[in-house]
Amino acid sequence: MVFNCLGCGISVSTKQKQCPYCKINNTESIEMLTGTASKPEKIEWREKVKGTILSYVQR
């Protein structure tokens, strides 16, 4: 799956834990997108990304 990095906004794969462009760690976003995070973490993450395109992810 491809998503936009929260640090730089460039499209990266969920197979890469770290953005190759800005070197930010995207493991939290990857867990949310793949559905491996717990329910309380998902709620906290949705508040963090509110207003971005990732806020529309239905999981």
PDB file of N, CA and C in Angstrom:
ATOM      1  N   MET A   1       0.840  -1.160   0.000  1.00  0.00           N
ATOM      2  CA  MET A   1       0.000   0.000   0.000  1.00  0.00           C
ATOM      3  C   MET A   1       0.893   1.233   0.000  1.00  0.00           C
ATOM      4  N   VAL A   2       0.436   2.255  -0.667  1.00  0.00           N
ATOM      5  CA  VAL A   2       1.189   3.501  -0.753  1.00  0.00           C
ATOM      6  C   VAL A   2       0.415   4.577   0.004  1.00  0.00           C
ATOM      7  N   PHE A   3       1.119   5.392   0.763  1.00  0.00           N
ATOM      8  CA  PHE A   3       0.512   6.498   1.500  1.00  0.00           C
ATOM      9  C   PHE A   3       1.456   7.683   1.488  1.00  0.00           C
ATOM     10  N   ASN A   4       0.951   8.841   1.867  1.00  0.00           N
ATOM     11  CA  ASN A   4       1.775  10.052   1.918  1.00  0.00           C
ATOM     12  C   ASN A   4       2.441  10.167   3.279  1.00  0.00           C
ATOM     13  N   CYS A   5       3.724  10.397   3.282  1.00  0.00           N
ATOM     14  CA  CYS A   5       4.504  10.552   4.506  1.00  0.00           C
ATOM     15  C   CYS A   5       3.989  11.757   5.290  1.00  0.00           C
ATOM     16  N   LEU A   6       3.880  11.605   6.613  1.00  0.00           N
ATOM     17  CA  LEU A   6       3.427  12.715   7.451  1.00  0.00           C
ATOM     18  C   LEU A   6       4.478  13.815   7.572  1.00  0.00           C
ATOM     19  N   GLY A   7       5.734  13.478   7.290  1.00  0.00           N
ATOM     20  CA  GLY A   7       6.804  14.467   7.399  1.00  0.00           C
ATOM     21  C   GLY A   7       6.953  15.344   6.181  1.00  0.00           C
ATOM     22  N   CYS A   8       7.006  14.717   4.996  1.00  0.00           N
ATOM     23  CA  CYS A   8       7.273  15.489   3.786  1.00  0.00           C
ATOM     24  C   CYS A   8       6.129  15.459   2.778  1.00  0.00           C
ATOM     25  N   GLY A   9       5.190  14.519   2.915  1.00  0.00           N
ATOM     26  CA  GLY A   9       4.042  14.459   2.021  1.00  0.00           C
ATOM     27  C   GLY A   9       4.266  13.687   0.738  1.00  0.00           C
ATOM     28  N   ILE A  10       5.436  13.116   0.559  1.00  0.00           N
ATOM     29  CA  ILE A  10       5.744  12.338  -0.639  1.00  0.00           C
ATOM     30  C   ILE A  10       5.222  10.919  -0.453  1.00  0.00           C
ATOM     31  N   SER A  11       4.738  10.313  -1.533  1.00  0.00           N
ATOM     32  CA  SER A  11       4.200   8.958  -1.468  1.00  0.00           C
ATOM     33  C   SER A  11       5.298   7.945  -1.181  1.00  0.00           C
ATOM     34  N   VAL A  12       5.056   7.083  -0.171  1.00  0.00           N
ATOM     35  CA  VAL A  12       5.982   6.011   0.187  1.00  0.00           C
ATOM     36  C   VAL A  12       5.188   4.728   0.411  1.00  0.00           C
ATOM     37  N   SER A  13       5.855   3.607   0.373  1.00  0.00           N
ATOM     38  CA  SER A  13       5.232   2.307   0.564  1.00  0.00           C
ATOM     39  C   SER A  13       5.137   1.962   2.044  1.00  0.00           C
ATOM     40  N   THR A  14       4.133   1.146   2.402  1.00  0.00           N
ATOM     41  CA  THR A  14       4.007   0.696   3.787  1.00  0.00           C
ATOM     42  C   THR A  14       5.076  -0.332   4.132  1.00  0.00           C
ATOM     43  N   LYS A  15       5.813  -0.798   3.146  1.00  0.00           N
ATOM     44  CA  LYS A  15       6.893  -1.757   3.398  1.00  0.00           C
ATOM     45  C   LYS A  15       8.153  -1.061   3.911  1.00  0.00           C
ATOM     46  N   GLN A  16       8.203   0.260   3.809  1.00  0.00           N
ATOM     47  CA  GLN A  16       9.352   1.025   4.301  1.00  0.00           C
ATOM     48  C   GLN A  16       8.984   1.677   5.624  1.00  0.00           C
ATOM     49  N   LYS A  17       9.676   1.307   6.680  1.00  0.00           N
ATOM     50  CA  LYS A  17       9.397   1.856   8.009  1.00  0.00           C
ATOM     51  C   LYS A  17       9.828   3.306   8.125  1.00  0.00           C
ATOM     52  N   GLN A  18      10.836   3.693   7.362  1.00  0.00           N
ATOM     53  CA  GLN A  18      11.376   5.049   7.419  1.00  0.00           C
ATOM     54  C   GLN A  18      11.276   5.671   6.031  1.00  0.00           C
ATOM     55  N   CYS A  19      10.866   6.922   5.966  1.00  0.00           N
ATOM     56  CA  CYS A  19      10.749   7.632   4.691  1.00  0.00           C
ATOM     57  C   CYS A  19      12.140   7.799   4.080  1.00  0.00           C
ATOM     58  N   PRO A  20      12.318   7.406   2.808  1.00  0.00           N
ATOM     59  CA  PRO A  20      13.641   7.541   2.186  1.00  0.00           C
ATOM     60  C   PRO A  20      14.012   8.992   1.874  1.00  0.00           C
ATOM     61  N   TYR A  21      13.062   9.901   1.936  1.00  0.00           N
ATOM     62  CA  TYR A  21      13.323  11.291   1.589  1.00  0.00           C
ATOM     63  C   TYR A  21      13.621  12.155   2.814  1.00  0.00           C
ATOM     64  N   CYS A  22      12.742  12.103   3.824  1.00  0.00           N
ATOM     65  CA  CYS A  22      12.941  12.964   4.995  1.00  0.00           C
ATOM     66  C   CYS A  22      13.410  12.195   6.231  1.00  0.00           C
ATOM     67  N   LYS A  23      13.506  10.867   6.126  1.00  0.00           N
ATOM     68  CA  LYS A  23      14.011   9.977   7.182  1.00  0.00           C
ATOM     69  C   LYS A  23      13.141   9.944   8.439  1.00  0.00           C
ATOM     70  N   ILE A  24      11.865  10.339   8.347  1.00  0.00           N
ATOM     71  CA  ILE A  24      10.964  10.270   9.498  1.00  0.00           C
ATOM     72  C   ILE A  24      10.461   8.836   9.662  1.00  0.00           C
ATOM     73  N   ASN A  25      10.233   8.425  10.893  1.00  0.00           N
ATOM     74  CA  ASN A  25       9.773   7.077  11.185  1.00  0.00           C
ATOM     75  C   ASN A  25       8.252   7.027  11.020  1.00  0.00           C
ATOM     76  N   ASN A  26       7.753   6.177  10.114  1.00  0.00           N
ATOM     77  CA  ASN A  26       6.329   6.081   9.817  1.00  0.00           C
ATOM     78  C   ASN A  26       5.694   4.801  10.347  1.00  0.00           C
ATOM     79  N   THR A  27       6.279   4.145  11.332  1.00  0.00           N
ATOM     80  CA  THR A  27       5.751   2.864  11.800  1.00  0.00           C
ATOM     81  C   THR A  27       4.350   3.005  12.396  1.00  0.00           C
ATOM     82  N   GLU A  28       4.068   4.099  13.078  1.00  0.00           N
ATOM     83  CA  GLU A  28       2.741   4.295  13.668  1.00  0.00           C
ATOM     84  C   GLU A  28       1.678   4.389  12.562  1.00  0.00           C
ATOM     85  N   SER A  29       1.955   5.142  11.530  1.00  0.00           N
ATOM     86  CA  SER A  29       1.013   5.265  10.415  1.00  0.00           C
ATOM     87  C   SER A  29       0.822   3.942   9.697  1.00  0.00           C
ATOM     88  N   ILE A  30       1.886   3.183   9.532  1.00  0.00           N
ATOM     89  CA  ILE A  30       1.802   1.887   8.857  1.00  0.00           C
ATOM     90  C   ILE A  30       0.949   0.919   9.663  1.00  0.00           C
ATOM     91  N   GLU A  31       1.099   0.916  10.979  1.00  0.00           N
ATOM     92  CA  GLU A  31       0.279   0.045  11.827  1.00  0.00           C
ATOM     93  C   GLU A  31      -1.193   0.397  11.713  1.00  0.00           C
ATOM     94  N   MET A  32      -1.507   1.672  11.624  1.00  0.00           N
ATOM     95  CA  MET A  32      -2.894   2.099  11.496  1.00  0.00           C
ATOM     96  C   MET A  32      -3.471   1.712  10.139  1.00  0.00           C
ATOM     97  N   LEU A  33      -2.693   1.883   9.099  1.00  0.00           N
ATOM     98  CA  LEU A  33      -3.173   1.588   7.751  1.00  0.00           C
ATOM     99  C   LEU A  33      -3.327   0.091   7.487  1.00  0.00           C
ATOM    100  N   THR A  34      -2.479  -0.712   8.109  1.00  0.00           N
ATOM    101  CA  THR A  34      -2.561  -2.158   7.891  1.00  0.00           C
ATOM    102  C   THR A  34      -3.474  -2.847   8.892  1.00  0.00           C
ATOM    103  N   GLY A  35      -3.924  -2.139   9.915  1.00  0.00           N
ATOM    104  CA  GLY A  35      -4.863  -2.691  10.885  1.00  0.00           C
ATOM    105  C   GLY A  35      -4.237  -3.515  11.991  1.00  0.00           C
ATOM    106  N   THR A  36      -2.969  -3.318  12.295  1.00  0.00           N
ATOM    107  CA  THR A  36      -2.305  -4.087  13.340  1.00  0.00           C
ATOM    108  C   THR A  36      -2.247  -3.352  14.680  1.00  0.00           C
ATOM    109  N   ALA A  37      -2.796  -2.154  14.751  1.00  0.00           N
ATOM    110  CA  ALA A  37      -2.775  -1.373  15.995  1.00  0.00           C
ATOM    111  C   ALA A  37      -4.027  -1.646  16.816  1.00  0.00           C
ATOM    112  N   SER A  38      -3.940  -1.393  18.120  1.00  0.00           N
ATOM    113  CA  SER A  38      -5.080  -1.606  18.998  1.00  0.00           C
ATOM    114  C   SER A  38      -6.084  -0.451  18.870  1.00  0.00           C
ATOM    115  N   LYS A  39      -7.286  -0.659  19.360  1.00  0.00           N
ATOM    116  CA  LYS A  39      -8.370   0.318  19.248  1.00  0.00           C
ATOM    117  C   LYS A  39      -8.025   1.674  19.888  1.00  0.00           C
ATOM    118  N   PRO A  40      -7.496   1.722  21.135  1.00  0.00           N
ATOM    119  CA  PRO A  40      -7.157   3.040  21.716  1.00  0.00           C
ATOM    120  C   PRO A  40      -6.082   3.787  20.916  1.00  0.00           C
ATOM    121  N   GLU A  41      -5.141   3.048  20.349  1.00  0.00           N
ATOM    122  CA  GLU A  41      -4.103   3.681  19.535  1.00  0.00           C
ATOM    123  C   GLU A  41      -4.706   4.273  18.265  1.00  0.00           C
ATOM    124  N   LYS A  42      -5.701   3.604  17.686  1.00  0.00           N
ATOM    125  CA  LYS A  42      -6.349   4.107  16.483  1.00  0.00           C
ATOM    126  C   LYS A  42      -7.067   5.418  16.751  1.00  0.00           C
ATOM    127  N   ILE A  43      -7.756   5.502  17.890  1.00  0.00           N
ATOM    128  CA  ILE A  43      -8.473   6.721  18.239  1.00  0.00           C
ATOM    129  C   ILE A  43      -7.499   7.876  18.429  1.00  0.00           C
ATOM    130  N   GLU A  44      -6.399   7.622  19.115  1.00  0.00           N
ATOM    131  CA  GLU A  44      -5.369   8.645  19.342  1.00  0.00           C
ATOM    132  C   GLU A  44      -4.742   9.087  18.023  1.00  0.00           C
ATOM    133  N   TRP A  45      -4.502   8.131  17.123  1.00  0.00           N
ATOM    134  CA  TRP A  45      -3.889   8.433  15.829  1.00  0.00           C
ATOM    135  C   TRP A  45      -4.817   9.272  14.961  1.00  0.00           C
ATOM    136  N   ARG A  46      -6.118   8.972  14.985  1.00  0.00           N
ATOM    137  CA  ARG A  46      -7.081   9.750  14.198  1.00  0.00           C
ATOM    138  C   ARG A  46      -7.106  11.216  14.642  1.00  0.00           C
ATOM    139  N   GLU A  47      -6.972  11.476  15.936  1.00  0.00           N
ATOM    140  CA  GLU A  47      -6.907  12.848  16.431  1.00  0.00           C
ATOM    141  C   GLU A  47      -5.625  13.534  15.953  1.00  0.00           C
ATOM    142  N   LYS A  48      -4.538  12.769  15.884  1.00  0.00           N
ATOM    143  CA  LYS A  48      -3.244  13.314  15.475  1.00  0.00           C
ATOM    144  C   LYS A  48      -3.239  13.721  14.006  1.00  0.00           C
ATOM    145  N   VAL A  49      -3.903  12.936  13.140  1.00  0.00           N
ATOM    146  CA  VAL A  49      -3.872  13.198  11.694  1.00  0.00           C
ATOM    147  C   VAL A  49      -5.131  13.899  11.199  1.00  0.00           C
ATOM    148  N   LYS A  50      -5.925  14.423  12.117  1.00  0.00           N
ATOM    149  CA  LYS A  50      -7.156  15.115  11.725  1.00  0.00           C
ATOM    150  C   LYS A  50      -6.824  16.264  10.779  1.00  0.00           C
ATOM    151  N   GLY A  51      -7.544  16.342   9.678  1.00  0.00           N
ATOM    152  CA  GLY A  51      -7.322  17.396   8.693  1.00  0.00           C
ATOM    153  C   GLY A  51      -6.404  16.971   7.556  1.00  0.00           C
ATOM    154  N   THR A  52      -5.819  15.778   7.627  1.00  0.00           N
ATOM    155  CA  THR A  52      -4.984  15.291   6.537  1.00  0.00           C
ATOM    156  C   THR A  52      -5.751  14.223   5.769  1.00  0.00           C
ATOM    157  N   ILE A  53      -5.223  13.796   4.651  1.00  0.00           N
ATOM    158  CA  ILE A  53      -5.874  12.781   3.838  1.00  0.00           C
ATOM    159  C   ILE A  53      -5.947  11.447   4.586  1.00  0.00           C
ATOM    160  N   LEU A  54      -5.034  11.195   5.498  1.00  0.00           N
ATOM    161  CA  LEU A  54      -5.050   9.950   6.255  1.00  0.00           C
ATOM    162  C   LEU A  54      -6.235   9.870   7.222  1.00  0.00           C
ATOM    163  N   SER A  55      -6.873  10.988   7.502  1.00  0.00           N
ATOM    164  CA  SER A  55      -8.018  10.965   8.416  1.00  0.00           C
ATOM    165  C   SER A  55      -9.232  10.299   7.788  1.00  0.00           C
ATOM    166  N   TYR A  56      -9.222  10.085   6.483  1.00  0.00           N
ATOM    167  CA  TYR A  56     -10.344   9.446   5.790  1.00  0.00           C
ATOM    168  C   TYR A  56     -10.213   7.932   5.700  1.00  0.00           C
ATOM    169  N   VAL A  57      -9.148   7.368   6.233  1.00  0.00           N
ATOM    170  CA  VAL A  57      -8.939   5.923   6.193  1.00  0.00           C
ATOM    171  C   VAL A  57      -9.965   5.258   7.091  1.00  0.00           C
ATOM    172  N   GLN A  58     -10.687   4.289   6.564  1.00  0.00           N
ATOM    173  CA  GLN A  58     -11.738   3.583   7.314  1.00  0.00           C
ATOM    174  C   GLN A  58     -11.200   2.257   7.827  1.00  0.00           C
ATOM    175  N   ARG A  59     -10.727   2.206   9.050  1.00  0.00           N
ATOM    176  CA  ARG A  59     -10.258   0.952   9.673  1.00  0.00           C
ATOM    177  C   ARG A  59     -10.635   0.957  11.109  1.00  0.00           C
TER     178      ARG A  59
END
